[in-house]
Amino acid sequence: MTKNFKRGAVIAAASAAVLSMTVATPSFAKGHGPRNFQISSSSVATTDQVQRPAPVAHVHVSVPVSITAIPSTVTKVGQIVRGAQFVSYKLADDATALPATQPTTGGKPSKVIAEVGTDSVVRYALELDAPKTAGTVKLAVYNAAGVGAFVTVTTDSAGVATATTSAALTAAYAEPTKPAFGEGKSVKGERGQDHGRPEKGERQKMGRGPIAPVASAPTV
């Protein structure tokens, strides 16, 4: 009698538990997740929402350049343009001529480029920075010999840049100099070893200098 009563109680309790789960979680029976765990896409922050301003494109202008004294052994255009050295200095807005002497600070190396015309003739030009918006900038441009020209660069409202010079820009070819050992980028050797760097096994650990010799203790 007692065993039958206990067995009936267990069956009744199990049935009640199954019934309570069915009533409490009706959404699981339909294959849907709990409503309390729904995530709104509007509340999730993503990196796509970060807006960054687009970079302003640089504006350049080309000024004709003549390169003289080119050695007969130098035949590549890339070598020729590297042998023409120019430096430009930005002047005051009200400047009307070159300074009395070449400035010693604020200079910016200017790049010489090669242009091939419709007649298949290679011509050289100096590439200078122009105002990014409508405006005018005054420059003093010097070659390696210190001969300068006053250059006025203007950008119009359409973004087109033009330049005028007080004198023709010329430069005598000069062999490009390589950086000294230990200064800037070193020159590669025949086997790829960088000159100025210690060979493998000769490098010392950072922060440690040479080890001082240890003197032996005097004998009594």
C-alpha atoms as a PDB file:
ATOM      1  CA  MET A   1       0.000   0.000   0.000  1.00  0.00           C
ATOM      2  CA  THR A   2       2.760   2.377   0.986  1.00  0.00           C
ATOM      3  CA  LYS A   3       4.851   1.493  -2.084  1.00  0.00           C
ATOM      4  CA  ASN A   4       1.917   2.110  -4.389  1.00  0.00           C
ATOM      5  CA  PHE A   5       1.288   5.467  -2.747  1.00  0.00           C
ATOM      6  CA  LYS A   6       4.915   6.575  -3.167  1.00  0.00           C
ATOM      7  CA  ARG A   7       4.994   5.404  -6.775  1.00  0.00           C
ATOM      8  CA  GLY A   8       1.827   7.372  -7.521  1.00  0.00           C
ATOM      9  CA  ALA A   9       3.236  10.458  -5.840  1.00  0.00           C
ATOM     10  CA  VAL A  10       6.414  10.307  -7.940  1.00  0.00           C
ATOM     11  CA  ILE A  11       4.429   9.915 -11.172  1.00  0.00           C
ATOM     12  CA  ALA A  12       2.174  12.803 -10.200  1.00  0.00           C
ATOM     13  CA  ALA A  13       5.149  15.033  -9.400  1.00  0.00           C
ATOM     14  CA  ALA A  14       6.854  14.228 -12.697  1.00  0.00           C
ATOM     15  CA  SER A  15       3.671  14.947 -14.632  1.00  0.00           C
ATOM     16  CA  ALA A  16       3.309  18.271 -12.833  1.00  0.00           C
ATOM     17  CA  ALA A  17       6.890  19.224 -13.698  1.00  0.00           C
ATOM     18  CA  VAL A  18       6.393  18.436 -17.393  1.00  0.00           C
ATOM     19  CA  LEU A  19       3.133  20.391 -17.390  1.00  0.00           C
ATOM     20  CA  SER A  20       4.768  23.406 -15.719  1.00  0.00           C
ATOM     21  CA  MET A  21       7.582  23.438 -18.299  1.00  0.00           C
ATOM     22  CA  THR A  22       5.109  23.293 -21.145  1.00  0.00           C
ATOM     23  CA  VAL A  23       3.072  26.176 -19.722  1.00  0.00           C
ATOM     24  CA  ALA A  24       6.038  28.350 -18.690  1.00  0.00           C
ATOM     25  CA  THR A  25       7.954  28.042 -21.966  1.00  0.00           C
ATOM     26  CA  PRO A  26       5.463  27.968 -24.821  1.00  0.00           C
ATOM     27  CA  SER A  27       7.862  29.713 -27.194  1.00  0.00           C
ATOM     28  CA  PHE A  28      10.306  26.782 -27.147  1.00  0.00           C
ATOM     29  CA  ALA A  29       7.648  24.466 -28.502  1.00  0.00           C
ATOM     30  CA  LYS A  30       7.364  26.610 -31.659  1.00  0.00           C
ATOM     31  CA  GLY A  31      11.104  26.672 -32.262  1.00  0.00           C
ATOM     32  CA  HIS A  32      11.578  30.353 -31.303  1.00  0.00           C
ATOM     33  CA  GLY A  33      14.065  31.701 -28.776  1.00  0.00           C
ATOM     34  CA  PRO A  34      13.015  33.530 -25.623  1.00  0.00           C
ATOM     35  CA  ARG A  35      11.590  36.948 -26.316  1.00  0.00           C
ATOM     36  CA  ASN A  36      13.636  38.466 -23.499  1.00  0.00           C
ATOM     37  CA  PHE A  37      16.855  37.743 -25.426  1.00  0.00           C
ATOM     38  CA  GLN A  38      15.981  39.582 -28.625  1.00  0.00           C
ATOM     39  CA  ILE A  39      18.716  42.072 -29.649  1.00  0.00           C
ATOM     40  CA  SER A  40      17.868  45.265 -31.437  1.00  0.00           C
ATOM     41  CA  SER A  41      20.291  46.224 -34.202  1.00  0.00           C
ATOM     42  CA  SER A  42      19.811  49.888 -33.357  1.00  0.00           C
ATOM     43  CA  SER A  43      21.376  49.377 -29.917  1.00  0.00           C
ATOM     44  CA  VAL A  44      24.577  47.747 -31.227  1.00  0.00           C
ATOM     45  CA  ALA A  45      27.442  50.101 -32.098  1.00  0.00           C
ATOM     46  CA  THR A  46      29.583  49.197 -35.093  1.00  0.00           C
ATOM     47  CA  THR A  47      32.756  50.665 -36.557  1.00  0.00           C
ATOM     48  CA  ASP A  48      30.903  51.298 -39.825  1.00  0.00           C
ATOM     49  CA  GLN A  49      29.123  54.191 -38.161  1.00  0.00           C
ATOM     50  CA  VAL A  50      32.408  56.123 -37.695  1.00  0.00           C
ATOM     51  CA  GLN A  51      32.763  58.732 -40.421  1.00  0.00           C
ATOM     52  CA  ARG A  52      36.210  60.041 -41.293  1.00  0.00           C
ATOM     53  CA  PRO A  53      36.873  63.040 -43.522  1.00  0.00           C
ATOM     54  CA  ALA A  54      38.292  62.192 -46.931  1.00  0.00           C
ATOM     55  CA  PRO A  55      41.923  63.254 -47.366  1.00  0.00           C
ATOM     56  CA  VAL A  56      42.477  66.322 -49.521  1.00  0.00           C
ATOM     57  CA  ALA A  57      44.376  65.495 -52.699  1.00  0.00           C
ATOM     58  CA  HIS A  58      47.712  67.203 -53.261  1.00  0.00           C
ATOM     59  CA  VAL A  59      47.989  69.686 -56.116  1.00  0.00           C
ATOM     60  CA  HIS A  60      51.224  69.940 -58.076  1.00  0.00           C
ATOM     61  CA  VAL A  61      52.532  72.037 -60.904  1.00  0.00           C
ATOM     62  CA  SER A  62      55.391  71.241 -63.289  1.00  0.00           C
ATOM     63  CA  VAL A  63      58.002  73.823 -64.274  1.00  0.00           C
ATOM     64  CA  PRO A  64      60.362  73.062 -67.212  1.00  0.00           C
ATOM     65  CA  VAL A  65      63.958  72.264 -66.234  1.00  0.00           C
ATOM     66  CA  SER A  66      67.094  71.833 -68.318  1.00  0.00           C
ATOM     67  CA  ILE A  67      69.842  69.495 -67.115  1.00  0.00           C
ATOM     68  CA  THR A  68      73.348  70.025 -68.416  1.00  0.00           C
ATOM     69  CA  ALA A  69      76.728  68.305 -68.115  1.00  0.00           C
ATOM     70  CA  ILE A  70      75.241  64.816 -68.226  1.00  0.00           C
ATOM     71  CA  PRO A  71      78.081  62.268 -68.529  1.00  0.00           C
ATOM     72  CA  SER A  72      78.028  59.979 -71.540  1.00  0.00           C
ATOM     73  CA  THR A  73      77.995  57.020 -69.169  1.00  0.00           C
ATOM     74  CA  VAL A  74      74.693  58.139 -67.658  1.00  0.00           C
ATOM     75  CA  THR A  75      71.995  57.066 -70.072  1.00  0.00           C
ATOM     76  CA  LYS A  76      69.046  56.108 -67.867  1.00  0.00           C
ATOM     77  CA  VAL A  77      66.335  58.661 -67.193  1.00  0.00           C
ATOM     78  CA  GLY A  78      66.111  57.624 -63.541  1.00  0.00           C
ATOM     79  CA  GLN A  79      69.798  58.402 -63.038  1.00  0.00           C
ATOM     80  CA  ILE A  80      69.531  61.749 -64.764  1.00  0.00           C
ATOM     81  CA  VAL A  81      66.622  63.059 -62.689  1.00  0.00           C
ATOM     82  CA  ARG A  82      68.369  62.021 -59.456  1.00  0.00           C
ATOM     83  CA  GLY A  83      71.423  63.984 -60.510  1.00  0.00           C
ATOM     84  CA  ALA A  84      69.479  67.269 -60.762  1.00  0.00           C
ATOM     85  CA  GLN A  85      69.208  68.808 -57.314  1.00  0.00           C
ATOM     86  CA  PHE A  86      66.749  71.596 -56.444  1.00  0.00           C
ATOM     87  CA  VAL A  87      65.466  72.976 -53.172  1.00  0.00           C
ATOM     88  CA  SER A  88      62.503  75.320 -52.712  1.00  0.00           C
ATOM     89  CA  TYR A  89      61.674  77.773 -49.928  1.00  0.00           C
ATOM     90  CA  LYS A  90      58.232  79.197 -49.228  1.00  0.00           C
ATOM     91  CA  LEU A  91      58.267  82.987 -49.118  1.00  0.00           C
ATOM     92  CA  ALA A  92      55.941  85.565 -47.603  1.00  0.00           C
ATOM     93  CA  ASP A  93      52.704  86.252 -49.451  1.00  0.00           C
ATOM     94  CA  ASP A  94      53.827  89.795 -50.300  1.00  0.00           C
ATOM     95  CA  ALA A  95      57.246  88.732 -51.661  1.00  0.00           C
ATOM     96  CA  THR A  96      58.065  90.044 -55.137  1.00  0.00           C
ATOM     97  CA  ALA A  97      61.626  88.806 -55.672  1.00  0.00           C
ATOM     98  CA  LEU A  98      64.275  86.388 -54.437  1.00  0.00           C
ATOM     99  CA  PRO A  99      65.778  86.981 -51.000  1.00  0.00           C
ATOM    100  CA  ALA A 100      69.121  88.747 -50.894  1.00  0.00           C
ATOM    101  CA  THR A 101      70.769  85.470 -49.892  1.00  0.00           C
ATOM    102  CA  GLN A 102      69.635  81.872 -50.060  1.00  0.00           C
ATOM    103  CA  PRO A 103      67.800  80.880 -46.850  1.00  0.00           C
ATOM    104  CA  THR A 104      69.461  78.336 -44.585  1.00  0.00           C
ATOM    105  CA  THR A 105      66.305  76.858 -43.048  1.00  0.00           C
ATOM    106  CA  GLY A 106      62.870  75.805 -44.257  1.00  0.00           C
ATOM    107  CA  GLY A 107      64.075  74.327 -47.513  1.00  0.00           C
ATOM    108  CA  LYS A 108      62.279  71.413 -49.144  1.00  0.00           C
ATOM    109  CA  PRO A 109      63.922  69.209 -51.794  1.00  0.00           C
ATOM    110  CA  SER A 110      61.949  69.374 -55.027  1.00  0.00           C
ATOM    111  CA  LYS A 111      61.555  66.374 -57.296  1.00  0.00           C
ATOM    112  CA  VAL A 112      62.620  66.420 -60.939  1.00  0.00           C
ATOM    113  CA  ILE A 113      60.436  64.298 -63.199  1.00  0.00           C
ATOM    114  CA  ALA A 114      60.769  63.150 -66.815  1.00  0.00           C
ATOM    115  CA  GLU A 115      58.001  63.758 -69.332  1.00  0.00           C
ATOM    116  CA  VAL A 116      57.770  62.225 -72.802  1.00  0.00           C
ATOM    117  CA  GLY A 117      56.148  64.510 -75.371  1.00  0.00           C
ATOM    118  CA  THR A 118      54.138  63.589 -78.432  1.00  0.00           C
ATOM    119  CA  ASP A 119      57.382  63.845 -80.420  1.00  0.00           C
ATOM    120  CA  SER A 120      58.884  61.062 -78.252  1.00  0.00           C
ATOM    121  CA  VAL A 121      61.440  63.499 -76.819  1.00  0.00           C
ATOM    122  CA  VAL A 122      62.171  63.292 -73.092  1.00  0.00           C
ATOM    123  CA  ARG A 123      61.887  66.595 -71.285  1.00  0.00           C
ATOM    124  CA  TYR A 124      62.450  67.332 -67.616  1.00  0.00           C
ATOM    125  CA  ALA A 125      60.352  69.346 -65.191  1.00  0.00           C
ATOM    126  CA  LEU A 126      60.436  70.370 -61.564  1.00  0.00           C
ATOM    127  CA  GLU A 127      57.398  69.267 -59.550  1.00  0.00           C
ATOM    128  CA  LEU A 128      56.274  71.886 -57.019  1.00  0.00           C
ATOM    129  CA  ASP A 129      53.452  71.932 -54.476  1.00  0.00           C
ATOM    130  CA  ALA A 130      50.534  74.203 -55.307  1.00  0.00           C
ATOM    131  CA  PRO A 131      47.784  75.509 -53.008  1.00  0.00           C
ATOM    132  CA  LYS A 132      45.104  72.859 -52.398  1.00  0.00           C
ATOM    133  CA  THR A 133      42.411  75.513 -52.785  1.00  0.00           C
ATOM    134  CA  ALA A 134      42.255  78.669 -54.871  1.00  0.00           C
ATOM    135  CA  GLY A 135      45.215  80.849 -53.968  1.00  0.00           C
ATOM    136  CA  THR A 136      48.827  81.792 -54.656  1.00  0.00           C
ATOM    137  CA  VAL A 137      52.151  80.803 -53.103  1.00  0.00           C
ATOM    138  CA  LYS A 138      55.570  82.388 -53.642  1.00  0.00           C
ATOM    139  CA  LEU A 139      58.677  80.200 -53.781  1.00  0.00           C
ATOM    140  CA  ALA A 140      62.412  80.679 -54.044  1.00  0.00           C
ATOM    141  CA  VAL A 141      63.913  77.746 -55.962  1.00  0.00           C
ATOM    142  CA  TYR A 142      67.673  77.102 -56.001  1.00  0.00           C
ATOM    143  CA  ASN A 143      69.821  74.526 -57.753  1.00  0.00           C
ATOM    144  CA  ALA A 144      72.854  72.823 -56.176  1.00  0.00           C
ATOM    145  CA  ALA A 145      75.120  75.688 -57.266  1.00  0.00           C
ATOM    146  CA  GLY A 146      73.004  78.252 -55.411  1.00  0.00           C
ATOM    147  CA  VAL A 147      71.472  79.809 -58.520  1.00  0.00           C
ATOM    148  CA  GLY A 148      67.868  80.722 -57.754  1.00  0.00           C
ATOM    149  CA  ALA A 149      64.622  81.755 -59.405  1.00  0.00           C
ATOM    150  CA  PHE A 150      61.523  83.437 -58.040  1.00  0.00           C
ATOM    151  CA  VAL A 151      58.505  81.220 -58.740  1.00  0.00           C
ATOM    152  CA  THR A 152      54.832  82.132 -58.351  1.00  0.00           C
ATOM    153  CA  VAL A 153      52.393  79.207 -58.182  1.00  0.00           C
ATOM    154  CA  THR A 154      48.660  79.863 -58.528  1.00  0.00           C
ATOM    155  CA  THR A 155      45.676  77.523 -58.189  1.00  0.00           C
ATOM    156  CA  ASP A 156      42.397  78.707 -59.680  1.00  0.00           C
ATOM    157  CA  SER A 157      38.854  77.945 -58.525  1.00  0.00           C
ATOM    158  CA  ALA A 158      38.724  74.871 -60.766  1.00  0.00           C
ATOM    159  CA  GLY A 159      41.790  73.378 -59.072  1.00  0.00           C
ATOM    160  CA  VAL A 160      44.141  73.980 -62.013  1.00  0.00           C
ATOM    161  CA  ALA A 161      47.651  75.088 -61.018  1.00  0.00           C
ATOM    162  CA  THR A 162      50.024  77.219 -63.097  1.00  0.00           C
ATOM    163  CA  ALA A 163      53.463  78.660 -62.407  1.00  0.00           C
ATOM    164  CA  THR A 164      55.611  81.552 -63.610  1.00  0.00           C
ATOM    165  CA  THR A 165      59.356  81.944 -63.019  1.00  0.00           C
ATOM    166  CA  SER A 166      61.675  84.926 -63.014  1.00  0.00           C
ATOM    167  CA  ALA A 167      64.363  82.866 -64.755  1.00  0.00           C
ATOM    168  CA  ALA A 168      64.728  79.505 -66.466  1.00  0.00           C
ATOM    169  CA  LEU A 169      65.477  76.621 -64.133  1.00  0.00           C
ATOM    170  CA  THR A 170      68.714  74.830 -64.976  1.00  0.00           C
ATOM    171  CA  ALA A 171      70.938  72.386 -63.144  1.00  0.00           C
ATOM    172  CA  ALA A 172      74.251  70.725 -63.911  1.00  0.00           C
ATOM    173  CA  TYR A 173      74.221  66.985 -63.381  1.00  0.00           C
ATOM    174  CA  ALA A 174      75.854  65.889 -60.126  1.00  0.00           C
ATOM    175  CA  GLU A 175      76.439  62.292 -59.106  1.00  0.00           C
ATOM    176  CA  PRO A 176      73.942  61.491 -56.316  1.00  0.00           C
ATOM    177  CA  THR A 177      75.770  61.047 -53.030  1.00  0.00           C
ATOM    178  CA  LYS A 178      75.208  57.967 -50.894  1.00  0.00           C
ATOM    179  CA  PRO A 179      74.667  58.262 -47.141  1.00  0.00           C
ATOM    180  CA  ALA A 180      77.726  57.727 -44.966  1.00  0.00           C
ATOM    181  CA  PHE A 181      78.021  54.478 -43.090  1.00  0.00           C
ATOM    182  CA  GLY A 182      75.770  54.580 -40.036  1.00  0.00           C
ATOM    183  CA  GLU A 183      73.701  57.475 -41.423  1.00  0.00           C
ATOM    184  CA  GLY A 184      70.349  56.737 -42.973  1.00  0.00           C
ATOM    185  CA  LYS A 185      69.887  53.622 -45.075  1.00  0.00           C
ATOM    186  CA  SER A 186      73.115  51.703 -45.594  1.00  0.00           C
ATOM    187  CA  VAL A 187      74.293  50.299 -48.889  1.00  0.00           C
ATOM    188  CA  LYS A 188      73.824  46.596 -49.552  1.00  0.00           C
ATOM    189  CA  GLY A 189      76.944  44.514 -50.140  1.00  0.00           C
ATOM    190  CA  GLU A 190      77.437  41.769 -52.688  1.00  0.00           C
ATOM    191  CA  ARG A 191      75.877  39.160 -50.448  1.00  0.00           C
ATOM    192  CA  GLY A 192      73.161  41.347 -48.997  1.00  0.00           C
ATOM    193  CA  GLN A 193      75.153  42.238 -45.862  1.00  0.00           C
ATOM    194  CA  ASP A 194      74.496  45.805 -44.743  1.00  0.00           C
ATOM    195  CA  HIS A 195      77.702  47.784 -44.412  1.00  0.00           C
ATOM    196  CA  GLY A 196      78.083  49.482 -41.077  1.00  0.00           C
ATOM    197  CA  ARG A 197      76.262  46.711 -39.244  1.00  0.00           C
ATOM    198  CA  PRO A 198      78.077  44.114 -37.136  1.00  0.00           C
ATOM    199  CA  GLU A 199      78.315  40.597 -38.482  1.00  0.00           C
ATOM    200  CA  LYS A 200      76.292  37.828 -36.907  1.00  0.00           C
ATOM    201  CA  GLY A 201      77.796  36.894 -33.580  1.00  0.00           C
ATOM    202  CA  GLU A 202      79.363  40.327 -33.098  1.00  0.00           C
ATOM    203  CA  ARG A 203      76.187  42.079 -31.959  1.00  0.00           C
ATOM    204  CA  GLN A 204      75.969  43.045 -28.334  1.00  0.00           C
ATOM    205  CA  LYS A 205      72.823  42.905 -26.315  1.00  0.00           C
ATOM    206  CA  MET A 206      70.963  46.155 -25.807  1.00  0.00           C
ATOM    207  CA  GLY A 207      72.043  47.966 -22.646  1.00  0.00           C
ATOM    208  CA  ARG A 208      75.204  45.891 -22.162  1.00  0.00           C
ATOM    209  CA  GLY A 209      78.675  47.149 -22.964  1.00  0.00           C
ATOM    210  CA  PRO A 210      81.966  45.264 -23.074  1.00  0.00           C
ATOM    211  CA  ILE A 211      82.736  43.135 -20.033  1.00  0.00           C
ATOM    212  CA  ALA A 212      85.574  44.510 -17.939  1.00  0.00           C
ATOM    213  CA  PRO A 213      88.478  42.096 -17.250  1.00  0.00           C
ATOM    214  CA  VAL A 214      88.473  40.449 -13.821  1.00  0.00           C
ATOM    215  CA  ALA A 215      91.702  40.930 -11.888  1.00  0.00           C
ATOM    216  CA  SER A 216      93.018  37.890 -10.053  1.00  0.00           C
ATOM    217  CA  ALA A 217      93.374  38.058  -6.283  1.00  0.00           C
ATOM    218  CA  PRO A 218      96.923  38.672  -5.018  1.00  0.00           C
ATOM    219  CA  THR A 219      98.711  35.683  -3.519  1.00  0.00           C
ATOM    220  CA  VAL A 220      99.913  35.879   0.115  1.00  0.00           C
END
